[in-house]
Structures are given as C-alpha cells and as structure tokens.
PDB file of N, CA and C in Angstrom:
ATOM      1  N   MET A   1     129.822 124.743  99.650  1.00  0.00           N
ATOM      2  CA  MET A   1     128.435 125.154  99.289  1.00  0.00           C
ATOM      3  C   MET A   1     128.295 125.506  97.834  1.00  0.00           C
ATOM      4  N   ASN A   2     129.274 125.139  96.891  1.00  0.00           N
ATOM      5  CA  ASN A   2     129.124 125.461  95.487  1.00  0.00           C
ATOM      6  C   ASN A   2     128.470 124.389  94.735  1.00  0.00           C
ATOM      7  N   SER A   3     127.899 123.405  95.458  1.00  0.00           N
ATOM      8  CA  SER A   3     127.269 122.275  94.653  1.00  0.00           C
ATOM      9  C   SER A   3     125.916 122.749  94.130  1.00  0.00           C
ATOM     10  N   PRO A   4     125.601 122.196  92.999  1.00  0.00           N
ATOM     11  CA  PRO A   4     124.277 122.568  92.356  1.00  0.00           C
ATOM     12  C   PRO A   4     123.117 122.007  93.138  1.00  0.00           C
ATOM     13  N   LEU A   5     121.954 122.692  93.012  1.00  0.00           N
ATOM     14  CA  LEU A   5     120.788 122.333  93.761  1.00  0.00           C
ATOM     15  C   LEU A   5     120.370 120.808  93.594  1.00  0.00           C
ATOM     16  N   TRP A   6     120.477 120.341  92.443  1.00  0.00           N
ATOM     17  CA  TRP A   6     120.036 118.957  92.310  1.00  0.00           C
ATOM     18  C   TRP A   6     120.890 117.902  93.110  1.00  0.00           C
ATOM     19  N   SER A   7     121.981 118.306  93.618  1.00  0.00           N
ATOM     20  CA  SER A   7     122.799 117.406  94.455  1.00  0.00           C
ATOM     21  C   SER A   7     122.643 117.651  95.858  1.00  0.00           C
ATOM     22  N   GLU A   8     121.730 118.458  96.347  1.00  0.00           N
ATOM     23  CA  GLU A   8     121.483 118.710  97.691  1.00  0.00           C
ATOM     24  C   GLU A   8     120.323 117.902  98.196  1.00  0.00           C
ATOM     25  N   TRP A   9     120.490 117.216  99.306  1.00  0.00           N
ATOM     26  CA  TRP A   9     119.481 116.293  99.791  1.00  0.00           C
ATOM     27  C   TRP A   9     118.236 116.995 100.247  1.00  0.00           C
ATOM     28  N   TRP A  10     118.372 118.196 100.837  1.00  0.00           N
ATOM     29  CA  TRP A  10     117.162 118.894 101.294  1.00  0.00           C
ATOM     30  C   TRP A  10     116.328 119.395 100.180  1.00  0.00           C
ATOM     31  N   VAL A  11     116.854 119.632  98.985  1.00  0.00           N
ATOM     32  CA  VAL A  11     116.019 120.034  97.914  1.00  0.00           C
ATOM     33  C   VAL A  11     115.092 118.932  97.369  1.00  0.00           C
ATOM     34  N   TRP A  12     115.605 117.624  97.414  1.00  0.00           N
ATOM     35  CA  TRP A  12     114.900 116.496  97.078  1.00  0.00           C
ATOM     36  C   TRP A  12     113.869 116.229  98.134  1.00  0.00           C
ATOM     37  N   MET A  13     114.176 116.486  99.398  1.00  0.00           N
ATOM     38  CA  MET A  13     113.251 116.208 100.469  1.00  0.00           C
ATOM     39  C   MET A  13     112.060 117.265 100.348  1.00  0.00           C
ATOM     40  N   CYS A  14     112.390 118.478 100.149  1.00  0.00           N
ATOM     41  CA  CYS A  14     111.336 119.535  99.948  1.00  0.00           C
ATOM     42  C   CYS A  14     110.453 119.176  98.662  1.00  0.00           C
ATOM     43  N   ALA A  15     111.032 118.630  97.679  1.00  0.00           N
ATOM     44  CA  ALA A  15     110.223 118.225  96.514  1.00  0.00           C
ATOM     45  C   ALA A  15     109.369 117.079  96.900  1.00  0.00           C
ATOM     46  N   ALA A  16     109.849 116.082  97.721  1.00  0.00           N
ATOM     47  CA  ALA A  16     108.990 115.006  98.222  1.00  0.00           C
ATOM     48  C   ALA A  16     107.861 115.488  99.044  1.00  0.00           C
ATOM     49  N   LEU A  17     108.144 116.401  99.980  1.00  0.00           N
ATOM     50  CA  LEU A  17     107.114 117.009 100.833  1.00  0.00           C
ATOM     51  C   LEU A  17     106.007 117.648  99.960  1.00  0.00           C
ATOM     52  N   LEU A  18     106.456 118.577  99.006  1.00  0.00           N
ATOM     53  CA  LEU A  18     105.500 119.257  98.172  1.00  0.00           C
ATOM     54  C   LEU A  18     104.709 118.284  97.306  1.00  0.00           C
ATOM     55  N   LEU A  19     105.273 117.223  96.782  1.00  0.00           N
ATOM     56  CA  LEU A  19     104.620 116.196  96.012  1.00  0.00           C
ATOM     57  C   LEU A  19     103.559 115.418  96.887  1.00  0.00           C
ATOM     58  N   GLY A  20     103.967 115.159  98.105  1.00  0.00           N
ATOM     59  CA  GLY A  20     103.056 114.462  99.070  1.00  0.00           C
ATOM     60  C   GLY A  20     101.897 115.349  99.395  1.00  0.00           C
ATOM     61  N   ILE A  21     102.134 116.652  99.617  1.00  0.00           N
ATOM     62  CA  ILE A  21     101.025 117.532  99.875  1.00  0.00           C
ATOM     63  C   ILE A  21     100.103 117.623  98.586  1.00  0.00           C
ATOM     64  N   LEU A  22     100.715 117.648  97.418  1.00  0.00           N
ATOM     65  CA  LEU A  22      99.919 117.694  96.245  1.00  0.00           C
ATOM     66  C   LEU A  22      99.093 116.418  96.058  1.00  0.00           C
ATOM     67  N   GLU A  23      99.572 115.317  96.495  1.00  0.00           N
ATOM     68  CA  GLU A  23      98.746 114.079  96.426  1.00  0.00           C
ATOM     69  C   GLU A  23      97.567 114.151  97.436  1.00  0.00           C
ATOM     70  N   VAL A  24      97.779 114.767  98.480  1.00  0.00           N
ATOM     71  CA  VAL A  24      96.630 114.845  99.516  1.00  0.00           C
ATOM     72  C   VAL A  24      95.608 115.837  98.869  1.00  0.00           C
ATOM     73  N   LEU A  25      96.037 116.927  98.153  1.00  0.00           N
ATOM     74  CA  LEU A  25      95.093 117.843  97.666  1.00  0.00           C
ATOM     75  C   LEU A  25      94.411 117.427  96.383  1.00  0.00           C
ATOM     76  N   VAL A  26      95.106 116.669  95.572  1.00  0.00           N
ATOM     77  CA  VAL A  26      94.627 116.184  94.278  1.00  0.00           C
ATOM     78  C   VAL A  26      94.861 114.676  94.320  1.00  0.00           C
ATOM     79  N   PRO A  27      93.879 113.921  94.817  1.00  0.00           N
ATOM     80  CA  PRO A  27      94.097 112.510  95.007  1.00  0.00           C
ATOM     81  C   PRO A  27      94.058 111.774  93.678  1.00  0.00           C
ATOM     82  N   ALA A  28      95.169 111.658  92.992  1.00  0.00           N
ATOM     83  CA  ALA A  28      95.289 111.066  91.697  1.00  0.00           C
ATOM     84  C   ALA A  28      96.016 109.752  91.767  1.00  0.00           C
ATOM     85  N   PHE A  29      96.652 109.501  92.907  1.00  0.00           N
ATOM     86  CA  PHE A  29      97.439 108.359  93.102  1.00  0.00           C
ATOM     87  C   PHE A  29      98.716 108.246  92.155  1.00  0.00           C
ATOM     88  N   VAL A  30      99.128 109.435  91.657  1.00  0.00           N
ATOM     89  CA  VAL A  30     100.292 109.521  90.806  1.00  0.00           C
ATOM     90  C   VAL A  30     101.414 110.219  91.550  1.00  0.00           C
ATOM     91  N   PHE A  31     101.076 111.245  92.237  1.00  0.00           N
ATOM     92  CA  PHE A  31     102.098 112.083  92.846  1.00  0.00           C
ATOM     93  C   PHE A  31     102.788 111.353  94.061  1.00  0.00           C
ATOM     94  N   LEU A  32     102.134 110.309  94.580  1.00  0.00           N
ATOM     95  CA  LEU A  32     102.774 109.679  95.695  1.00  0.00           C
ATOM     96  C   LEU A  32     103.986 108.846  95.180  1.00  0.00           C
ATOM     97  N   GLY A  33     103.905 108.250  93.991  1.00  0.00           N
ATOM     98  CA  GLY A  33     105.093 107.595  93.448  1.00  0.00           C
ATOM     99  C   GLY A  33     106.223 108.604  93.257  1.00  0.00           C
ATOM    100  N   PHE A  34     105.931 109.825  92.726  1.00  0.00           N
ATOM    101  CA  PHE A  34     106.965 110.827  92.577  1.00  0.00           C
ATOM    102  C   PHE A  34     107.530 111.257  93.899  1.00  0.00           C
ATOM    103  N   ALA A  35     106.673 111.407  94.912  1.00  0.00           N
ATOM    104  CA  ALA A  35     107.118 111.854  96.218  1.00  0.00           C
ATOM    105  C   ALA A  35     108.021 110.778  96.840  1.00  0.00           C
ATOM    106  N   LEU A  36     107.759 109.489  96.692  1.00  0.00           N
ATOM    107  CA  LEU A  36     108.602 108.493  97.187  1.00  0.00           C
ATOM    108  C   LEU A  36     109.978 108.445  96.400  1.00  0.00           C
ATOM    109  N   GLY A  37     109.880 108.724  95.099  1.00  0.00           N
ATOM    110  CA  GLY A  37     111.094 108.711  94.301  1.00  0.00           C
ATOM    111  C   GLY A  37     112.009 109.859  94.805  1.00  0.00           C
ATOM    112  N   ALA A  38     111.453 111.037  95.068  1.00  0.00           N
ATOM    113  CA  ALA A  38     112.260 112.171  95.569  1.00  0.00           C
ATOM    114  C   ALA A  38     112.703 111.932  96.975  1.00  0.00           C
ATOM    115  N   ALA A  39     111.977 111.264  97.821  1.00  0.00           N
ATOM    116  CA  ALA A  39     112.450 110.872  99.115  1.00  0.00           C
ATOM    117  C   ALA A  39     113.647 109.909  99.114  1.00  0.00           C
ATOM    118  N   MET A  40     113.570 108.977  98.181  1.00  0.00           N
ATOM    119  CA  MET A  40     114.663 108.011  98.054  1.00  0.00           C
ATOM    120  C   MET A  40     115.877 108.706  97.467  1.00  0.00           C
ATOM    121  N   MET A  41     115.685 109.707  96.662  1.00  0.00           N
ATOM    122  CA  MET A  41     116.878 110.456  96.106  1.00  0.00           C
ATOM    123  C   MET A  41     117.498 111.268  97.317  1.00  0.00           C
ATOM    124  N   ALA A  42     116.650 111.859  98.134  1.00  0.00           N
ATOM    125  CA  ALA A  42     117.132 112.610  99.287  1.00  0.00           C
ATOM    126  C   ALA A  42     117.905 111.685 100.279  1.00  0.00           C
ATOM    127  N   VAL A  43     117.443 110.529 100.502  1.00  0.00           N
ATOM    128  CA  VAL A  43     118.169 109.602 101.359  1.00  0.00           C
ATOM    129  C   VAL A  43     119.517 109.247 100.735  1.00  0.00           C
ATOM    130  N   LEU A  44     119.505 108.931  99.424  1.00  0.00           N
ATOM    131  CA  LEU A  44     120.842 108.547  98.784  1.00  0.00           C
ATOM    132  C   LEU A  44     121.795 109.699  98.833  1.00  0.00           C
ATOM    133  N   LEU A  45     121.329 110.926  98.660  1.00  0.00           N
ATOM    134  CA  LEU A  45     122.234 112.041  98.701  1.00  0.00           C
ATOM    135  C   LEU A  45     122.682 112.390 100.084  1.00  0.00           C
ATOM    136  N   ALA A  46     121.786 112.264 101.023  1.00  0.00           N
ATOM    137  CA  ALA A  46     122.111 112.518 102.452  1.00  0.00           C
ATOM    138  C   ALA A  46     123.162 111.694 102.991  1.00  0.00           C
ATOM    139  N   PHE A  47     123.239 110.401 102.604  1.00  0.00           N
ATOM    140  CA  PHE A  47     124.186 109.462 103.045  1.00  0.00           C
ATOM    141  C   PHE A  47     125.430 109.403 102.051  1.00  0.00           C
ATOM    142  N   ASP A  48     125.575 110.265 101.154  1.00  0.00           N
ATOM    143  CA  ASP A  48     126.645 110.403 100.125  1.00  0.00           C
ATOM    144  C   ASP A  48     126.843 109.029  99.398  1.00  0.00           C
ATOM    145  N   VAL A  49     125.717 108.477  99.088  1.00  0.00           N
ATOM    146  CA  VAL A  49     125.848 107.068  98.306  1.00  0.00           C
ATOM    147  C   VAL A  49     126.134 107.496  96.915  1.00  0.00           C
ATOM    148  N   LEU A  50     125.734 108.648  96.362  1.00  0.00           N
ATOM    149  CA  LEU A  50     126.013 108.905  94.949  1.00  0.00           C
ATOM    150  C   LEU A  50     126.186 110.360  94.773  1.00  0.00           C
ATOM    151  N   ALA A  51     126.888 110.696  93.708  1.00  0.00           N
ATOM    152  CA  ALA A  51     127.084 112.140  93.310  1.00  0.00           C
ATOM    153  C   ALA A  51     127.063 112.115  91.772  1.00  0.00           C
ATOM    154  N   LEU A  52     125.858 112.535  91.246  1.00  0.00           N
ATOM    155  CA  LEU A  52     125.624 112.400  89.799  1.00  0.00           C
ATOM    156  C   LEU A  52     125.472 113.857  89.210  1.00  0.00           C
ATOM    157  N   ASN A  53     125.576 113.983  87.894  1.00  0.00           N
ATOM    158  CA  ASN A  53     125.205 115.141  87.239  1.00  0.00           C
ATOM    159  C   ASN A  53     123.661 115.248  87.152  1.00  0.00           C
ATOM    160  N   MET A  54     123.178 116.352  86.637  1.00  0.00           N
ATOM    161  CA  MET A  54     121.746 116.582  86.542  1.00  0.00           C
ATOM    162  C   MET A  54     121.012 115.503  85.672  1.00  0.00           C
ATOM    163  N   ALA A  55     121.495 115.141  84.601  1.00  0.00           N
ATOM    164  CA  ALA A  55     120.840 114.222  83.778  1.00  0.00           C
ATOM    165  C   ALA A  55     120.704 112.767  84.390  1.00  0.00           C
ATOM    166  N   TRP A  56     121.740 112.357  85.069  1.00  0.00           N
ATOM    167  CA  TRP A  56     121.652 111.062  85.752  1.00  0.00           C
ATOM    168  C   TRP A  56     120.797 111.124  86.988  1.00  0.00           C
ATOM    169  N   SER A  57     120.796 112.270  87.691  1.00  0.00           N
ATOM    170  CA  SER A  57     119.955 112.442  88.803  1.00  0.00           C
ATOM    171  C   SER A  57     118.396 112.399  88.486  1.00  0.00           C
ATOM    172  N   VAL A  58     118.083 113.030  87.361  1.00  0.00           N
ATOM    173  CA  VAL A  58     116.687 113.087  86.948  1.00  0.00           C
ATOM    174  C   VAL A  58     116.325 111.635  86.517  1.00  0.00           C
ATOM    175  N   LEU A  59     117.182 110.957  85.756  1.00  0.00           N
ATOM    176  CA  LEU A  59     116.920 109.636  85.279  1.00  0.00           C
ATOM    177  C   LEU A  59     116.787 108.693  86.434  1.00  0.00           C
ATOM    178  N   LEU A  60     117.619 108.765  87.410  1.00  0.00           N
ATOM    179  CA  LEU A  60     117.448 107.926  88.594  1.00  0.00           C
ATOM    180  C   LEU A  60     116.208 108.220  89.368  1.00  0.00           C
ATOM    181  N   PHE A  61     115.806 109.504  89.505  1.00  0.00           N
ATOM    182  CA  PHE A  61     114.581 109.887  90.136  1.00  0.00           C
ATOM    183  C   PHE A  61     113.390 109.364  89.375  1.00  0.00           C
ATOM    184  N   ALA A  62     113.400 109.396  88.090  1.00  0.00           N
ATOM    185  CA  ALA A  62     112.243 108.824  87.217  1.00  0.00           C
ATOM    186  C   ALA A  62     112.187 107.314  87.414  1.00  0.00           C
ATOM    187  N   VAL A  63     113.246 106.629  87.488  1.00  0.00           N
ATOM    188  CA  VAL A  63     113.321 105.156  87.544  1.00  0.00           C
ATOM    189  C   VAL A  63     112.752 104.801  88.954  1.00  0.00           C
ATOM    190  N   MET A  64     113.258 105.457  90.025  1.00  0.00           N
ATOM    191  CA  MET A  64     112.763 105.118  91.372  1.00  0.00           C
ATOM    192  C   MET A  64     111.332 105.495  91.592  1.00  0.00           C
ATOM    193  N   SER A  65     110.856 106.594  90.947  1.00  0.00           N
ATOM    194  CA  SER A  65     109.471 106.929  91.017  1.00  0.00           C
ATOM    195  C   SER A  65     108.604 105.933  90.288  1.00  0.00           C
ATOM    196  N   LEU A  66     109.029 105.468  89.147  1.00  0.00           N
ATOM    197  CA  LEU A  66     108.205 104.376  88.416  1.00  0.00           C
ATOM    198  C   LEU A  66     108.209 103.139  89.198  1.00  0.00           C
ATOM    199  N   ILE A  67     109.350 102.748  89.863  1.00  0.00           N
ATOM    200  CA  ILE A  67     109.241 101.566  90.685  1.00  0.00           C
ATOM    201  C   ILE A  67     108.384 101.683  91.882  1.00  0.00           C
ATOM    202  N   ALA A  68     108.373 102.857  92.513  1.00  0.00           N
ATOM    203  CA  ALA A  68     107.565 103.166  93.671  1.00  0.00           C
ATOM    204  C   ALA A  68     106.065 103.084  93.214  1.00  0.00           C
ATOM    205  N   TYR A  69     105.713 103.687  92.057  1.00  0.00           N
ATOM    206  CA  TYR A  69     104.341 103.700  91.565  1.00  0.00           C
ATOM    207  C   TYR A  69     103.928 102.264  91.258  1.00  0.00           C
ATOM    208  N   VAL A  70     104.697 101.448  90.544  1.00  0.00           N
ATOM    209  CA  VAL A  70     104.323 100.130  90.250  1.00  0.00           C
ATOM    210  C   VAL A  70     104.065  99.302  91.559  1.00  0.00           C
ATOM    211  N   ILE A  71     104.895  99.480  92.528  1.00  0.00           N
ATOM    212  CA  ILE A  71     104.743  98.712  93.812  1.00  0.00           C
ATOM    213  C   ILE A  71     103.494  99.223  94.547  1.00  0.00           C
ATOM    214  N   LEU A  72     103.183 100.562  94.575  1.00  0.00           N
ATOM    215  CA  LEU A  72     102.037 101.076  95.169  1.00  0.00           C
ATOM    216  C   LEU A  72     100.726 100.517  94.406  1.00  0.00           C
ATOM    217  N   ARG A  73     100.754 100.471  93.109  1.00  0.00           N
ATOM    218  CA  ARG A  73      99.615  99.977  92.357  1.00  0.00           C
ATOM    219  C   ARG A  73      99.391  98.489  92.609  1.00  0.00           C
ATOM    220  N   ARG A  74     100.466  97.747  92.816  1.00  0.00           N
ATOM    221  CA  ARG A  74     100.368  96.351  93.055  1.00  0.00           C
ATOM    222  C   ARG A  74      99.867  96.095  94.440  1.00  0.00           C
ATOM    223  N   ILE A  75     100.097  96.948  95.416  1.00  0.00           N
ATOM    224  CA  ILE A  75      99.658  96.754  96.814  1.00  0.00           C
ATOM    225  C   ILE A  75      98.265  97.279  96.957  1.00  0.00           C
ATOM    226  N   PHE A  76      97.988  98.506  96.499  1.00  0.00           N
ATOM    227  CA  PHE A  76      96.795  99.227  96.840  1.00  0.00           C
ATOM    228  C   PHE A  76      95.771  99.325  95.653  1.00  0.00           C
ATOM    229  N   GLY A  77      96.137  98.925  94.486  1.00  0.00           N
ATOM    230  CA  GLY A  77      95.300  99.033  93.299  1.00  0.00           C
ATOM    231  C   GLY A  77      94.283  97.991  93.342  1.00  0.00           C
ATOM    232  N   MET A  78      93.329  98.092  92.447  1.00  0.00           N
ATOM    233  CA  MET A  78      92.264  97.033  92.294  1.00  0.00           C
ATOM    234  C   MET A  78      92.879  95.799  91.721  1.00  0.00           C
ATOM    235  N   LYS A  79      92.471  94.623  92.176  1.00  0.00           N
ATOM    236  CA  LYS A  79      92.996  93.370  91.814  1.00  0.00           C
ATOM    237  C   LYS A  79      92.390  93.053  90.476  1.00  0.00           C
ATOM    238  N   ARG A  80      93.139  92.184  89.691  1.00  0.00           N
ATOM    239  CA  ARG A  80      92.711  91.774  88.362  1.00  0.00           C
ATOM    240  C   ARG A  80      91.268  91.123  88.385  1.00  0.00           C
ATOM    241  N   GLY A  81      90.389  91.489  87.639  1.00  0.00           N
ATOM    242  CA  GLY A  81      89.013  90.989  87.551  1.00  0.00           C
ATOM    243  C   GLY A  81      88.169  91.479  88.680  1.00  0.00           C
ATOM    244  N   GLN A  82      88.666  92.299  89.544  1.00  0.00           N
ATOM    245  CA  GLN A  82      87.786  92.903  90.584  1.00  0.00           C
ATOM    246  C   GLN A  82      86.976  94.033  90.036  1.00  0.00           C
ATOM    247  N   VAL A  83      85.619  93.995  90.338  1.00  0.00           N
ATOM    248  CA  VAL A  83      84.743  95.030  89.888  1.00  0.00           C
ATOM    249  C   VAL A  83      84.006  95.531  91.069  1.00  0.00           C
ATOM    250  N   LYS A  84      83.898  96.841  91.120  1.00  0.00           N
ATOM    251  CA  LYS A  84      83.148  97.462  92.299  1.00  0.00           C
ATOM    252  C   LYS A  84      81.667  97.328  92.003  1.00  0.00           C
ATOM    253  N   VAL A  85      81.008  96.714  92.990  1.00  0.00           N
ATOM    254  CA  VAL A  85      79.534  96.506  92.830  1.00  0.00           C
ATOM    255  C   VAL A  85      78.875  97.305  93.951  1.00  0.00           C
ATOM    256  N   TRP A  86      77.957  98.137  93.485  1.00  0.00           N
ATOM    257  CA  TRP A  86      77.179  98.955  94.457  1.00  0.00           C
ATOM    258  C   TRP A  86      75.901  98.232  94.738  1.00  0.00           C
ATOM    259  N   ASP A  87      75.658  97.891  96.013  1.00  0.00           N
ATOM    260  CA  ASP A  87      74.476  97.167  96.467  1.00  0.00           C
ATOM    261  C   ASP A  87      73.485  98.160  97.154  1.00  0.00           C
ATOM    262  N   ARG A  88      73.905  99.357  97.378  1.00  0.00           N
ATOM    263  CA  ARG A  88      73.056 100.263  98.062  1.00  0.00           C
ATOM    264  C   ARG A  88      73.159 101.570  97.424  1.00  0.00           C
ATOM    265  N   ASP A  89      72.005 102.276  97.270  1.00  0.00           N
ATOM    266  CA  ASP A  89      72.013 103.628  96.608  1.00  0.00           C
ATOM    267  C   ASP A  89      72.017 104.695  97.730  1.00  0.00           C
ATOM    268  N   ILE A  90      72.744 105.777  97.565  1.00  0.00           N
ATOM    269  CA  ILE A  90      72.760 106.821  98.628  1.00  0.00           C
ATOM    270  C   ILE A  90      71.411 107.492  98.798  1.00  0.00           C
ATOM    271  N   ASN A  91      70.509 107.420  97.790  1.00  0.00           N
ATOM    272  CA  ASN A  91      69.257 108.076  97.804  1.00  0.00           C
ATOM    273  C   ASN A  91      68.216 107.243  98.440  1.00  0.00           C
ATOM    274  N   ASP A  92      68.456 105.941  98.665  1.00  0.00           N
ATOM    275  CA  ASP A  92      67.494 105.053  99.255  1.00  0.00           C
ATOM    276  C   ASP A  92      67.419 105.279 100.778  1.00  0.00           C
ATOM    277  N   ASN A  93      66.107 105.227 101.243  1.00  0.00           N
ATOM    278  CA  ASN A  93      65.988 105.477 102.731  1.00  0.00           C
ATOM    279  C   ASN A  93      65.701 104.160 103.443  1.00  0.00           C
TER     280      ASN A  93
END
C-alpha cells in the first residue's frame, strides 16, 4: 500500500466520476473527454497493464483525453457546413 495515489486505479475512477458529474452540471462538452481519459487510465491500472511515474501518467491521461474528445466531437459535433436554422419562434402562438 505504499504506492503513490496516481498509480491507484480507484483514484482515476473517482476522478472520472467527478468529471462526469461536472459535465452534467456544466454542459460544456469538454469534461466528458477528460472523464473518459480518466476512466481509461483506471482500466489500464486496474488490470496492471502499466506502471508509470507521475509525469508519464499525466501525459498518457492527457493524450487519452484528447483522443476521446476528438472522437466525441466527430460523432456528436455539428457536421461541416451544417447550420442550425430556426423555423419557429418560441414567442409565436
């Protein structure tokens, strides 16, 4: 139990949960990528796939978060050239 906190899987899973909750409370579509990156780090650490120092752990977390964010934007973001057109006003009866 002398391992540092960044190498514990449950710490990364708690961070993923907190970032997911933050995404629900502040819908900015940014925190979800970070939450997925932290969840992937938790899975990698839980199955003893890697054991890194803090700098490499944070770098891997940042890279996985960026990849998750790009994939989410590609799937759920507005398509190129797509414009939101309003055809009805909320004040019209």
